[in-house]
C-alpha atoms as a PDB file:
ATOM      1  CA  UNK A   1     -17.825 -20.121 -11.394  1.00  0.00           C
ATOM      2  CA  UNK A   2     -16.588 -21.980  -8.323  1.00  0.00           C
ATOM      3  CA  UNK A   3     -17.126 -20.281  -4.997  1.00  0.00           C
ATOM      4  CA  UNK A   4     -13.431 -20.382  -4.098  1.00  0.00           C
ATOM      5  CA  UNK A   5     -12.609 -18.491  -7.307  1.00  0.00           C
ATOM      6  CA  UNK A   6     -14.754 -15.607  -6.063  1.00  0.00           C
ATOM      7  CA  UNK A   7     -13.114 -15.633  -2.617  1.00  0.00           C
ATOM      8  CA  UNK A   8     -10.475 -12.958  -3.307  1.00  0.00           C
ATOM      9  CA  UNK A   9     -13.069 -10.633  -4.813  1.00  0.00           C
ATOM     10  CA  UNK A  10     -15.272 -10.943  -1.741  1.00  0.00           C
ATOM     11  CA  UNK A  11     -12.190 -10.119   0.302  1.00  0.00           C
ATOM     12  CA  UNK A  12     -11.344  -7.174  -1.934  1.00  0.00           C
ATOM     13  CA  UNK A  13     -14.839  -5.677  -1.681  1.00  0.00           C
ATOM     14  CA  UNK A  14     -14.921  -6.243   2.062  1.00  0.00           C
ATOM     15  CA  UNK A  15     -11.552  -4.524   2.507  1.00  0.00           C
ATOM     16  CA  UNK A  16     -12.671  -1.600   0.349  1.00  0.00           C
ATOM     17  CA  UNK A  17     -15.903  -1.356   2.369  1.00  0.00           C
ATOM     18  CA  UNK A  18     -13.971  -1.291   5.642  1.00  0.00           C
ATOM     19  CA  UNK A  19     -11.569   1.375   4.376  1.00  0.00           C
ATOM     20  CA  UNK A  20     -14.348   3.657   3.157  1.00  0.00           C
ATOM     21  CA  UNK A  21     -16.302   3.114   6.378  1.00  0.00           C
ATOM     22  CA  UNK A  22     -13.339   4.404   8.372  1.00  0.00           C
ATOM     23  CA  UNK A  23     -13.973   7.790   6.774  1.00  0.00           C
ATOM     24  CA  UNK A  24     -16.946   8.163   9.117  1.00  0.00           C
ATOM     25  CA  UNK A  25     -14.558   8.500  12.053  1.00  0.00           C
ATOM     26  CA  UNK A  26     -13.024  11.527  10.321  1.00  0.00           C
ATOM     27  CA  UNK A  27     -16.404  13.104   9.517  1.00  0.00           C
ATOM     28  CA  UNK A  28     -16.027  12.340   5.812  1.00  0.00           C
ATOM     29  CA  UNK A  29     -18.604  10.738   3.552  1.00  0.00           C
ATOM     30  CA  UNK A  30     -17.714   7.128   2.613  1.00  0.00           C
ATOM     31  CA  UNK A  31     -19.454   7.630  -0.738  1.00  0.00           C
ATOM     32  CA  UNK A  32     -17.349  10.719  -1.427  1.00  0.00           C
ATOM     33  CA  UNK A  33     -14.152   8.858  -0.491  1.00  0.00           C
ATOM     34  CA  UNK A  34     -15.119   5.913  -2.705  1.00  0.00           C
ATOM     35  CA  UNK A  35     -15.788   8.263  -5.618  1.00  0.00           C
ATOM     36  CA  UNK A  36     -12.365   9.895  -5.230  1.00  0.00           C
ATOM     37  CA  UNK A  37     -10.394   6.655  -5.033  1.00  0.00           C
ATOM     38  CA  UNK A  38     -12.172   5.116  -8.023  1.00  0.00           C
ATOM     39  CA  UNK A  39     -12.417   8.049 -10.453  1.00  0.00           C
ATOM     40  CA  UNK A  40      -9.449  10.370  -9.876  1.00  0.00           C
ATOM     41  CA  UNK A  41      -7.420   8.583 -12.564  1.00  0.00           C
ATOM     42  CA  UNK A  42      -9.804  10.074 -15.149  1.00  0.00           C
ATOM     43  CA  UNK A  43      -9.043  13.694 -14.255  1.00  0.00           C
ATOM     44  CA  UNK A  44      -6.388  14.135 -16.949  1.00  0.00           C
ATOM     45  CA  UNK A  45      -4.039  12.289 -19.266  1.00  0.00           C
ATOM     46  CA  UNK A  46      -1.285  12.728 -16.706  1.00  0.00           C
ATOM     47  CA  UNK A  47      -3.397  11.122 -13.973  1.00  0.00           C
ATOM     48  CA  UNK A  48      -4.252   8.210 -16.246  1.00  0.00           C
ATOM     49  CA  UNK A  49      -0.585   7.815 -17.171  1.00  0.00           C
ATOM     50  CA  UNK A  50       0.389   7.838 -13.498  1.00  0.00           C
ATOM     51  CA  UNK A  51      -2.146   5.070 -12.887  1.00  0.00           C
ATOM     52  CA  UNK A  52      -0.629   3.046 -15.741  1.00  0.00           C
ATOM     53  CA  UNK A  53       2.819   3.554 -14.182  1.00  0.00           C
ATOM     54  CA  UNK A  54       1.534   2.082 -10.926  1.00  0.00           C
ATOM     55  CA  UNK A  55      -0.077  -0.689 -12.967  1.00  0.00           C
ATOM     56  CA  UNK A  56       3.282  -1.496 -14.585  1.00  0.00           C
ATOM     57  CA  UNK A  57       5.059  -1.845 -11.253  1.00  0.00           C
ATOM     58  CA  UNK A  58       2.203  -3.872  -9.796  1.00  0.00           C
ATOM     59  CA  UNK A  59       2.199  -6.284 -12.737  1.00  0.00           C
ATOM     60  CA  UNK A  60       5.881  -6.990 -12.144  1.00  0.00           C
ATOM     61  CA  UNK A  61       5.251  -7.293  -8.386  1.00  0.00           C
ATOM     62  CA  UNK A  62       2.295  -9.601  -9.017  1.00  0.00           C
ATOM     63  CA  UNK A  63       4.399 -11.844 -11.248  1.00  0.00           C
ATOM     64  CA  UNK A  64       7.104 -11.913  -8.596  1.00  0.00           C
ATOM     65  CA  UNK A  65       4.571 -13.295  -6.113  1.00  0.00           C
ATOM     66  CA  UNK A  66       2.423 -15.429  -8.420  1.00  0.00           C
ATOM     67  CA  UNK A  67       5.188 -17.637  -9.828  1.00  0.00           C
ATOM     68  CA  UNK A  68       6.542 -18.820  -6.450  1.00  0.00           C
ATOM     69  CA  UNK A  69       2.937 -19.168  -5.238  1.00  0.00           C
ATOM     70  CA  UNK A  70       2.332 -21.773  -7.924  1.00  0.00           C
ATOM     71  CA  UNK A  71       5.105 -23.775  -6.253  1.00  0.00           C
ATOM     72  CA  UNK A  72       3.571 -23.262  -2.807  1.00  0.00           C
ATOM     73  CA  UNK A  73       5.957 -20.486  -1.727  1.00  0.00           C
ATOM     74  CA  UNK A  74       4.611 -17.326  -0.093  1.00  0.00           C
ATOM     75  CA  UNK A  75       7.127 -14.846  -1.470  1.00  0.00           C
ATOM     76  CA  UNK A  76       7.087 -11.484   0.298  1.00  0.00           C
ATOM     77  CA  UNK A  77      10.685 -10.560  -0.502  1.00  0.00           C
ATOM     78  CA  UNK A  78       9.963  -8.531  -3.625  1.00  0.00           C
ATOM     79  CA  UNK A  79      10.130  -5.247  -1.700  1.00  0.00           C
ATOM     80  CA  UNK A  80      13.738  -5.814  -0.719  1.00  0.00           C
ATOM     81  CA  UNK A  81      14.691  -7.141  -4.143  1.00  0.00           C
ATOM     82  CA  UNK A  82      13.241  -4.163  -6.017  1.00  0.00           C
ATOM     83  CA  UNK A  83      14.989  -1.810  -3.578  1.00  0.00           C
ATOM     84  CA  UNK A  84      18.465  -3.260  -4.044  1.00  0.00           C
ATOM     85  CA  UNK A  85      17.880  -3.598  -7.805  1.00  0.00           C
ATOM     86  CA  UNK A  86      16.895   0.063  -8.165  1.00  0.00           C
ATOM     87  CA  UNK A  87      19.963   1.054  -6.152  1.00  0.00           C
ATOM     88  CA  UNK A  88      22.286  -0.923  -8.421  1.00  0.00           C
ATOM     89  CA  UNK A  89      20.620   0.452 -11.564  1.00  0.00           C
ATOM     90  CA  UNK A  90      21.112   4.027 -10.351  1.00  0.00           C
ATOM     91  CA  UNK A  91      24.709   3.432  -9.273  1.00  0.00           C
ATOM     92  CA  UNK A  92      25.655   2.014 -12.671  1.00  0.00           C
ATOM     93  CA  UNK A  93      23.781   4.791 -14.439  1.00  0.00           C
ATOM     94  CA  UNK A  94      25.657   7.426 -12.446  1.00  0.00           C
ATOM     95  CA  UNK A  95      29.153   5.965 -12.487  1.00  0.00           C
ATOM     96  CA  UNK A  96      29.511   3.906 -15.690  1.00  0.00           C
ATOM     97  CA  UNK A  97      30.360   6.250 -18.555  1.00  0.00           C
ATOM     98  CA  UNK A  98      29.935   4.452 -21.870  1.00  0.00           C
ATOM     99  CA  UNK A  99      27.991   4.726 -25.097  1.00  0.00           C
ATOM    100  CA  UNK A 100      24.233   4.439 -24.850  1.00  0.00           C
ATOM    101  CA  UNK A 101      23.914   0.810 -25.954  1.00  0.00           C
ATOM    102  CA  UNK A 102      26.743  -0.507 -23.761  1.00  0.00           C
ATOM    103  CA  UNK A 103      25.632   1.480 -20.744  1.00  0.00           C
ATOM    104  CA  UNK A 104      21.985   0.451 -20.986  1.00  0.00           C
ATOM    105  CA  UNK A 105      22.980  -3.173 -21.554  1.00  0.00           C
ATOM    106  CA  UNK A 106      25.118  -3.051 -18.411  1.00  0.00           C
ATOM    107  CA  UNK A 107      22.300  -1.492 -16.400  1.00  0.00           C
ATOM    108  CA  UNK A 108      19.752  -4.075 -17.545  1.00  0.00           C
ATOM    109  CA  UNK A 109      21.990  -7.126 -17.152  1.00  0.00           C
ATOM    110  CA  UNK A 110      23.554  -6.259 -13.795  1.00  0.00           C
ATOM    111  CA  UNK A 111      20.285  -5.021 -12.302  1.00  0.00           C
ATOM    112  CA  UNK A 112      18.421  -8.157 -13.350  1.00  0.00           C
ATOM    113  CA  UNK A 113      21.207 -10.369 -12.003  1.00  0.00           C
ATOM    114  CA  UNK A 114      21.069  -8.458  -8.726  1.00  0.00           C
ATOM    115  CA  UNK A 115      17.347  -9.095  -8.397  1.00  0.00           C
ATOM    116  CA  UNK A 116      17.707 -12.763  -9.277  1.00  0.00           C
ATOM    117  CA  UNK A 117      20.614 -13.417  -6.921  1.00  0.00           C
ATOM    118  CA  UNK A 118      18.912 -11.604  -4.046  1.00  0.00           C
ATOM    119  CA  UNK A 119      15.874 -13.873  -4.502  1.00  0.00           C
ATOM    120  CA  UNK A 120      18.046 -16.969  -4.909  1.00  0.00           C
ATOM    121  CA  UNK A 121      19.176 -16.595  -1.284  1.00  0.00           C
ATOM    122  CA  UNK A 122      15.639 -17.424  -0.160  1.00  0.00           C
ATOM    123  CA  UNK A 123      15.515 -20.633  -2.222  1.00  0.00           C
ATOM    124  CA  UNK A 124      18.920 -21.850  -1.052  1.00  0.00           C
ATOM    125  CA  UNK A 125      18.207 -21.248   2.631  1.00  0.00           C
ATOM    126  CA  UNK A 126      14.855 -22.999   2.295  1.00  0.00           C
ATOM    127  CA  UNK A 127      16.352 -26.049   0.615  1.00  0.00           C
ATOM    128  CA  UNK A 128      19.605 -26.441   2.565  1.00  0.00           C
ATOM    129  CA  UNK A 129      18.626 -25.046   5.980  1.00  0.00           C
ATOM    130  CA  UNK A 130      14.836 -25.653   5.878  1.00  0.00           C
ATOM    131  CA  UNK A 131      14.286 -21.986   6.701  1.00  0.00           C
ATOM    132  CA  UNK A 132      10.783 -20.690   6.027  1.00  0.00           C
ATOM    133  CA  UNK A 133      10.671 -18.407   2.998  1.00  0.00           C
ATOM    134  CA  UNK A 134       8.544 -15.778   4.767  1.00  0.00           C
ATOM    135  CA  UNK A 135      11.000 -15.357   7.638  1.00  0.00           C
ATOM    136  CA  UNK A 136      14.016 -15.197   5.334  1.00  0.00           C
ATOM    137  CA  UNK A 137      12.301 -12.729   3.010  1.00  0.00           C
ATOM    138  CA  UNK A 138      11.312 -10.409   5.848  1.00  0.00           C
ATOM    139  CA  UNK A 139      14.862 -10.295   7.165  1.00  0.00           C
ATOM    140  CA  UNK A 140      16.320  -9.751   3.700  1.00  0.00           C
ATOM    141  CA  UNK A 141      13.902  -6.876   3.090  1.00  0.00           C
ATOM    142  CA  UNK A 142      15.435  -5.059   6.059  1.00  0.00           C
ATOM    143  CA  UNK A 143      18.980  -5.983   5.058  1.00  0.00           C
ATOM    144  CA  UNK A 144      18.581  -4.730   1.486  1.00  0.00           C
ATOM    145  CA  UNK A 145      16.815  -1.547   2.628  1.00  0.00           C
ATOM    146  CA  UNK A 146      19.605  -0.774   5.096  1.00  0.00           C
ATOM    147  CA  UNK A 147      22.313  -1.557   2.549  1.00  0.00           C
ATOM    148  CA  UNK A 148      20.684   0.639  -0.102  1.00  0.00           C
ATOM    149  CA  UNK A 149      20.345   3.531   2.348  1.00  0.00           C
ATOM    150  CA  UNK A 150      23.965   3.266   3.489  1.00  0.00           C
ATOM    151  CA  UNK A 151      25.363   3.126  -0.044  1.00  0.00           C
ATOM    152  CA  UNK A 152      23.174   5.979  -1.265  1.00  0.00           C
ATOM    153  CA  UNK A 153      23.744   8.384   1.617  1.00  0.00           C
ATOM    154  CA  UNK A 154      27.438   7.702   2.137  1.00  0.00           C
ATOM    155  CA  UNK A 155      28.712   7.197  -1.405  1.00  0.00           C
ATOM    156  CA  UNK A 156      26.245   8.325  -4.090  1.00  0.00           C
ATOM    157  CA  UNK A 157      24.238  11.075  -2.411  1.00  0.00           C
ATOM    158  CA  UNK A 158      22.958  13.745  -4.785  1.00  0.00           C
ATOM    159  CA  UNK A 159      24.895  16.846  -3.706  1.00  0.00           C
ATOM    160  CA  UNK A 160      22.280  19.113  -5.283  1.00  0.00           C
ATOM    161  CA  UNK A 161      19.495  17.774  -3.050  1.00  0.00           C
ATOM    162  CA  UNK A 162      18.866  17.373   0.661  1.00  0.00           C
ATOM    163  CA  UNK A 163      16.681  14.356   0.017  1.00  0.00           C
ATOM    164  CA  UNK A 164      18.258  10.893   0.411  1.00  0.00           C
ATOM    165  CA  UNK A 165      18.762  10.014  -3.250  1.00  0.00           C
ATOM    166  CA  UNK A 166      21.446   9.334  -5.815  1.00  0.00           C
ATOM    167  CA  UNK A 167      22.371  11.724  -8.578  1.00  0.00           C
ATOM    168  CA  UNK A 168      20.658  11.483 -11.938  1.00  0.00           C
ATOM    169  CA  UNK A 169      21.857   8.779 -14.279  1.00  0.00           C
ATOM    170  CA  UNK A 170      23.902  10.004 -17.241  1.00  0.00           C
ATOM    171  CA  UNK A 171      22.001  11.802 -19.991  1.00  0.00           C
ATOM    172  CA  UNK A 172      22.896   9.085 -22.489  1.00  0.00           C
ATOM    173  CA  UNK A 173      20.841   6.575 -20.485  1.00  0.00           C
ATOM    174  CA  UNK A 174      17.747   8.756 -20.131  1.00  0.00           C
ATOM    175  CA  UNK A 175      16.275   7.528 -23.398  1.00  0.00           C
ATOM    176  CA  UNK A 176      12.812   7.046 -21.919  1.00  0.00           C
ATOM    177  CA  UNK A 177      12.437  10.801 -21.530  1.00  0.00           C
ATOM    178  CA  UNK A 178      11.331  10.786 -25.166  1.00  0.00           C
ATOM    179  CA  UNK A 179       9.229   7.653 -24.834  1.00  0.00           C
ATOM    180  CA  UNK A 180       6.121   7.992 -27.071  1.00  0.00           C
ATOM    181  CA  UNK A 181       3.878   6.619 -24.318  1.00  0.00           C
ATOM    182  CA  UNK A 182       5.286   9.114 -21.825  1.00  0.00           C
ATOM    183  CA  UNK A 183       4.793  11.962 -24.299  1.00  0.00           C
ATOM    184  CA  UNK A 184       1.198  10.950 -24.986  1.00  0.00           C
ATOM    185  CA  UNK A 185       0.358  11.013 -21.285  1.00  0.00           C
ATOM    186  CA  UNK A 186       1.813  14.497 -20.753  1.00  0.00           C
ATOM    187  CA  UNK A 187       5.219  13.371 -19.420  1.00  0.00           C
ATOM    188  CA  UNK A 188       3.704  11.175 -16.718  1.00  0.00           C
ATOM    189  CA  UNK A 189       5.883   8.412 -15.186  1.00  0.00           C
ATOM    190  CA  UNK A 190       4.480   5.704 -17.491  1.00  0.00           C
ATOM    191  CA  UNK A 191       6.791   4.401 -20.211  1.00  0.00           C
ATOM    192  CA  UNK A 192       7.248   1.479 -22.592  1.00  0.00           C
ATOM    193  CA  UNK A 193       7.875  -0.733 -19.581  1.00  0.00           C
ATOM    194  CA  UNK A 194       4.063  -0.904 -19.396  1.00  0.00           C
ATOM    195  CA  UNK A 195       3.946  -2.631 -22.786  1.00  0.00           C
ATOM    196  CA  UNK A 196       6.795  -4.913 -21.734  1.00  0.00           C
ATOM    197  CA  UNK A 197       4.892  -5.928 -18.597  1.00  0.00           C
ATOM    198  CA  UNK A 198       1.843  -6.916 -20.650  1.00  0.00           C
ATOM    199  CA  UNK A 199       4.036  -8.886 -23.070  1.00  0.00           C
ATOM    200  CA  UNK A 200       5.541 -10.793 -20.146  1.00  0.00           C
ATOM    201  CA  UNK A 201       2.050 -11.697 -18.887  1.00  0.00           C
ATOM    202  CA  UNK A 202       0.966 -12.983 -22.294  1.00  0.00           C
ATOM    203  CA  UNK A 203       4.217 -14.908 -22.772  1.00  0.00           C
ATOM    204  CA  UNK A 204       3.997 -16.549 -19.352  1.00  0.00           C
ATOM    205  CA  UNK A 205       0.378 -17.515 -19.935  1.00  0.00           C
ATOM    206  CA  UNK A 206       1.383 -19.213 -23.187  1.00  0.00           C
ATOM    207  CA  UNK A 207       4.343 -20.967 -21.562  1.00  0.00           C
ATOM    208  CA  UNK A 208       2.156 -22.146 -18.700  1.00  0.00           C
ATOM    209  CA  UNK A 209      -0.235 -23.846 -21.086  1.00  0.00           C
ATOM    210  CA  UNK A 210       2.405 -25.271 -23.443  1.00  0.00           C
ATOM    211  CA  UNK A 211       5.402 -26.329 -21.351  1.00  0.00           C
ATOM    212  CA  UNK A 212       6.048 -29.144 -18.897  1.00  0.00           C
ATOM    213  CA  UNK A 213       8.116 -26.805 -16.723  1.00  0.00           C
ATOM    214  CA  UNK A 214       5.124 -24.922 -15.341  1.00  0.00           C
ATOM    215  CA  UNK A 215       3.156 -28.133 -14.870  1.00  0.00           C
ATOM    216  CA  UNK A 216       5.974 -29.486 -12.734  1.00  0.00           C
ATOM    217  CA  UNK A 217       5.980 -26.269 -10.687  1.00  0.00           C
ATOM    218  CA  UNK A 218       2.241 -26.510 -10.058  1.00  0.00           C
ATOM    219  CA  UNK A 219       2.439 -30.200  -9.195  1.00  0.00           C
ATOM    220  CA  UNK A 220       5.159 -29.412  -6.660  1.00  0.00           C
ATOM    221  CA  UNK A 221       2.975 -26.712  -5.159  1.00  0.00           C
ATOM    222  CA  UNK A 222       0.047 -29.133  -4.886  1.00  0.00           C
ATOM    223  CA  UNK A 223       2.021 -32.049  -3.450  1.00  0.00           C
ATOM    224  CA  UNK A 224       5.816 -31.718  -2.944  1.00  0.00           C
ATOM    225  CA  UNK A 225       6.222 -35.296  -1.701  1.00  0.00           C
ATOM    226  CA  UNK A 226       4.510 -36.821  -4.727  1.00  0.00           C
ATOM    227  CA  UNK A 227       6.440 -34.535  -7.023  1.00  0.00           C
ATOM    228  CA  UNK A 228       9.756 -35.756  -5.609  1.00  0.00           C
ATOM    229  CA  UNK A 229       8.688 -39.409  -6.001  1.00  0.00           C
ATOM    230  CA  UNK A 230       8.422 -38.816  -9.735  1.00  0.00           C
ATOM    231  CA  UNK A 231      12.064 -37.760  -9.764  1.00  0.00           C
ATOM    232  CA  UNK A 232      11.726 -34.002 -10.097  1.00  0.00           C
ATOM    233  CA  UNK A 233      14.429 -31.990  -8.372  1.00  0.00           C
ATOM    234  CA  UNK A 234      13.157 -29.889  -5.476  1.00  0.00           C
ATOM    235  CA  UNK A 235      16.263 -27.699  -5.615  1.00  0.00           C
ATOM    236  CA  UNK A 236      15.733 -26.996  -9.306  1.00  0.00           C
ATOM    237  CA  UNK A 237      12.096 -26.032  -8.755  1.00  0.00           C
ATOM    238  CA  UNK A 238      12.811 -23.762  -5.786  1.00  0.00           C
ATOM    239  CA  UNK A 239      15.713 -22.002  -7.462  1.00  0.00           C
ATOM    240  CA  UNK A 240      13.845 -21.623 -10.753  1.00  0.00           C
ATOM    241  CA  UNK A 241      10.759 -19.955  -9.291  1.00  0.00           C
ATOM    242  CA  UNK A 242      12.788 -17.662  -7.041  1.00  0.00           C
ATOM    243  CA  UNK A 243      15.111 -16.637  -9.869  1.00  0.00           C
ATOM    244  CA  UNK A 244      12.058 -15.696 -11.915  1.00  0.00           C
ATOM    245  CA  UNK A 245      10.621 -13.811  -8.930  1.00  0.00           C
ATOM    246  CA  UNK A 246      13.834 -11.817  -8.579  1.00  0.00           C
ATOM    247  CA  UNK A 247      13.856 -11.205 -12.323  1.00  0.00           C
ATOM    248  CA  UNK A 248      10.488  -9.453 -12.216  1.00  0.00           C
ATOM    249  CA  UNK A 249      11.293  -7.619  -8.979  1.00  0.00           C
ATOM    250  CA  UNK A 250      14.321  -6.148 -10.721  1.00  0.00           C
ATOM    251  CA  UNK A 251      12.102  -4.769 -13.465  1.00  0.00           C
ATOM    252  CA  UNK A 252      10.296  -2.627 -10.903  1.00  0.00           C
ATOM    253  CA  UNK A 253      13.632  -0.990 -10.112  1.00  0.00           C
ATOM    254  CA  UNK A 254      14.369  -0.542 -13.806  1.00  0.00           C
ATOM    255  CA  UNK A 255      10.923   0.950 -14.390  1.00  0.00           C
ATOM    256  CA  UNK A 256      11.586   3.555 -11.696  1.00  0.00           C
ATOM    257  CA  UNK A 257      15.202   4.422 -12.503  1.00  0.00           C
ATOM    258  CA  UNK A 258      15.106   4.290 -16.306  1.00  0.00           C
ATOM    259  CA  UNK A 259      11.473   5.201 -16.912  1.00  0.00           C
ATOM    260  CA  UNK A 260      10.500   7.653 -14.194  1.00  0.00           C
ATOM    261  CA  UNK A 261      12.850   9.476 -11.808  1.00  0.00           C
ATOM    262  CA  UNK A 262      16.184   8.590 -13.519  1.00  0.00           C
ATOM    263  CA  UNK A 263      17.710   8.113 -10.064  1.00  0.00           C
ATOM    264  CA  UNK A 264      17.225   6.055  -6.928  1.00  0.00           C
ATOM    265  CA  UNK A 265      15.182   7.723  -4.210  1.00  0.00           C
ATOM    266  CA  UNK A 266      14.987   6.112  -0.807  1.00  0.00           C
ATOM    267  CA  UNK A 267      11.359   5.161  -0.200  1.00  0.00           C
ATOM    268  CA  UNK A 268      10.317   5.426  -3.863  1.00  0.00           C
ATOM    269  CA  UNK A 269       8.195   2.291  -3.545  1.00  0.00           C
ATOM    270  CA  UNK A 270       4.728   2.647  -1.979  1.00  0.00           C
ATOM    271  CA  UNK A 271       5.047  -1.017  -0.931  1.00  0.00           C
ATOM    272  CA  UNK A 272       4.847  -2.426  -4.464  1.00  0.00           C
ATOM    273  CA  UNK A 273       6.153  -5.745  -3.200  1.00  0.00           C
ATOM    274  CA  UNK A 274       3.316  -6.163  -0.707  1.00  0.00           C
ATOM    275  CA  UNK A 275       0.637  -4.794  -3.027  1.00  0.00           C
ATOM    276  CA  UNK A 276       1.768  -7.460  -5.485  1.00  0.00           C
ATOM    277  CA  UNK A 277       0.400 -10.037  -3.030  1.00  0.00           C
ATOM    278  CA  UNK A 278      -3.120  -8.624  -3.357  1.00  0.00           C
ATOM    279  CA  UNK A 279      -2.701  -8.330  -7.127  1.00  0.00           C
ATOM    280  CA  UNK A 280      -1.709 -11.982  -7.512  1.00  0.00           C
ATOM    281  CA  UNK A 281      -4.353 -13.282  -5.114  1.00  0.00           C
ATOM    282  CA  UNK A 282      -7.106 -11.304  -6.824  1.00  0.00           C
ATOM    283  CA  UNK A 283      -6.084 -12.808 -10.161  1.00  0.00           C
ATOM    284  CA  UNK A 284      -5.668 -16.254  -8.559  1.00  0.00           C
ATOM    285  CA  UNK A 285      -2.179 -16.361 -10.059  1.00  0.00           C
ATOM    286  CA  UNK A 286      -3.587 -16.104 -13.580  1.00  0.00           C
ATOM    287  CA  UNK A 287      -0.984 -14.241 -15.627  1.00  0.00           C
ATOM    288  CA  UNK A 288      -3.530 -12.512 -17.863  1.00  0.00           C
ATOM    289  CA  UNK A 289      -5.759 -11.709 -14.898  1.00  0.00           C
ATOM    290  CA  UNK A 290      -2.800  -9.924 -13.297  1.00  0.00           C
ATOM    291  CA  UNK A 291      -3.188  -7.104 -15.814  1.00  0.00           C
ATOM    292  CA  UNK A 292      -6.740  -6.319 -14.683  1.00  0.00           C
ATOM    293  CA  UNK A 293      -6.113  -6.735 -10.960  1.00  0.00           C
ATOM    294  CA  UNK A 294      -2.977  -4.563 -11.199  1.00  0.00           C
ATOM    295  CA  UNK A 295      -4.937  -1.779 -12.858  1.00  0.00           C
ATOM    296  CA  UNK A 296      -7.654  -2.037 -10.219  1.00  0.00           C
ATOM    297  CA  UNK A 297      -5.220  -1.770  -7.302  1.00  0.00           C
ATOM    298  CA  UNK A 298      -3.330   0.988  -9.138  1.00  0.00           C
ATOM    299  CA  UNK A 299      -6.392   3.193  -9.605  1.00  0.00           C
ATOM    300  CA  UNK A 300      -7.289   2.763  -5.929  1.00  0.00           C
ATOM    301  CA  UNK A 301      -3.755   3.703  -4.908  1.00  0.00           C
ATOM    302  CA  UNK A 302      -3.793   6.708  -7.228  1.00  0.00           C
ATOM    303  CA  UNK A 303      -7.173   7.832  -5.899  1.00  0.00           C
ATOM    304  CA  UNK A 304      -6.215   7.391  -2.252  1.00  0.00           C
ATOM    305  CA  UNK A 305      -3.121   9.528  -2.853  1.00  0.00           C
ATOM    306  CA  UNK A 306      -5.411  12.419  -3.840  1.00  0.00           C
ATOM    307  CA  UNK A 307      -7.470  12.378  -0.656  1.00  0.00           C
ATOM    308  CA  UNK A 308      -5.490  15.190   0.963  1.00  0.00           C
ATOM    309  CA  UNK A 309      -6.569  17.461  -1.891  1.00  0.00           C
ATOM    310  CA  UNK A 310     -10.185  16.328  -2.167  1.00  0.00           C
ATOM    311  CA  UNK A 311     -11.138  15.890   1.500  1.00  0.00           C
ATOM    312  CA  UNK A 312     -10.855  18.026   4.599  1.00  0.00           C
ATOM    313  CA  UNK A 313      -9.479  15.569   7.126  1.00  0.00           C
ATOM    314  CA  UNK A 314      -8.034  12.591   5.230  1.00  0.00           C
ATOM    315  CA  UNK A 315      -4.512  12.590   3.784  1.00  0.00           C
ATOM    316  CA  UNK A 316      -2.614  10.481   1.279  1.00  0.00           C
ATOM    317  CA  UNK A 317      -1.455   8.331   4.202  1.00  0.00           C
ATOM    318  CA  UNK A 318      -4.946   6.833   4.082  1.00  0.00           C
ATOM    319  CA  UNK A 319      -3.745   4.942   1.007  1.00  0.00           C
ATOM    320  CA  UNK A 320      -1.624   2.755   3.298  1.00  0.00           C
ATOM    321  CA  UNK A 321      -4.685   1.978   5.407  1.00  0.00           C
ATOM    322  CA  UNK A 322      -6.569   1.088   2.231  1.00  0.00           C
ATOM    323  CA  UNK A 323      -3.734  -1.138   1.052  1.00  0.00           C
ATOM    324  CA  UNK A 324      -3.422  -2.914   4.401  1.00  0.00           C
ATOM    325  CA  UNK A 325      -7.144  -3.630   4.674  1.00  0.00           C
ATOM    326  CA  UNK A 326      -7.390  -4.936   1.120  1.00  0.00           C
ATOM    327  CA  UNK A 327      -4.313  -7.168   1.439  1.00  0.00           C
ATOM    328  CA  UNK A 328      -5.511  -8.532   4.799  1.00  0.00           C
ATOM    329  CA  UNK A 329      -9.076  -9.104   3.573  1.00  0.00           C
ATOM    330  CA  UNK A 330      -8.011 -10.806   0.345  1.00  0.00           C
ATOM    331  CA  UNK A 331      -5.561 -13.076   2.169  1.00  0.00           C
ATOM    332  CA  UNK A 332      -8.128 -13.870   4.876  1.00  0.00           C
ATOM    333  CA  UNK A 333     -10.756 -14.746   2.287  1.00  0.00           C
ATOM    334  CA  UNK A 334      -8.511 -17.507   0.962  1.00  0.00           C
ATOM    335  CA  UNK A 335      -8.294 -19.061   4.417  1.00  0.00           C
ATOM    336  CA  UNK A 336     -12.027 -18.738   5.136  1.00  0.00           C
ATOM    337  CA  UNK A 337     -13.153 -20.298   1.862  1.00  0.00           C
ATOM    338  CA  UNK A 338     -10.471 -23.011   1.966  1.00  0.00           C
ATOM    339  CA  UNK A 339     -11.372 -23.881   5.564  1.00  0.00           C
ATOM    340  CA  UNK A 340     -15.068 -24.135   4.728  1.00  0.00           C
ATOM    341  CA  UNK A 341     -14.334 -26.294   1.691  1.00  0.00           C
ATOM    342  CA  UNK A 342     -12.231 -28.704   3.750  1.00  0.00           C
ATOM    343  CA  UNK A 343     -14.870 -28.813   6.476  1.00  0.00           C
ATOM    344  CA  UNK A 344     -17.608 -29.615   3.962  1.00  0.00           C
ATOM    345  CA  UNK A 345     -15.470 -32.335   2.333  1.00  0.00           C
ATOM    346  CA  UNK A 346     -14.981 -33.987   5.723  1.00  0.00           C
END
């Protein structure tokens, strides 16, 4: 295996080592912390199901990052897109009274369109105004978060709760309450969206190997100037990859609203959009590899969330430290190995 293919895994292990080493400053054993974060998902069926729920969301987040990455775009706007998509899904579910099929169809279609259009803004500003996708995405994340909060608190606030959240979607749309996967895992948040996420990964892997479309995307990512000389439309490529990114971001919102809480809760995402970066980089944008890397990050997130119960001084907030160190280390490993490769080639 090429050294650069192992780069993200070196970064992952280094980030995990740093996170566990920090436990020493809180008089906790790094070995004990490592054991908790890597094995807590085995405590019960519910815990395993919760880990699979995180895996589902991370697969969608990983796809949202991996596809634009193949075109050379560093897409960090998934967090804002999943937020506004979840808000729209909950609003429709609360206010649109129709039969089950019509209502669910409306929720799926409008939510997906919301995610796609919110991502399309990034592509259009990059093409027409030459704005960097990272800057635009960061600003849109704040805009969508603020908009979702304002709409929820001022117009769709759940009157039966003091928490900032919408009311529950109508009973007719809560079909995933009886999901066989959810029932098997003791009513944990996981649902059939997990199966759908795996199907998407397999389908995309097949399309990548069989269609010209993905080859054009990768050629653009490798050399945009050469790609344009062959007559391929830059606008078409940018809009296509960002529409697909928004499509998968929207499914995170659907997974939460239709498969878990049946409402929109402000702050429901533990930074799925940013964790998706680590997921995609670990898998090196391989669509099948995303399944394994998503599960790995999910079990670490699940384990870190249990630290306040299993340790004396650490809390579940340590999971954010773990996430940050892993994302930083994985991203840095790409630069280090790429820099060394270029230096050796010169």
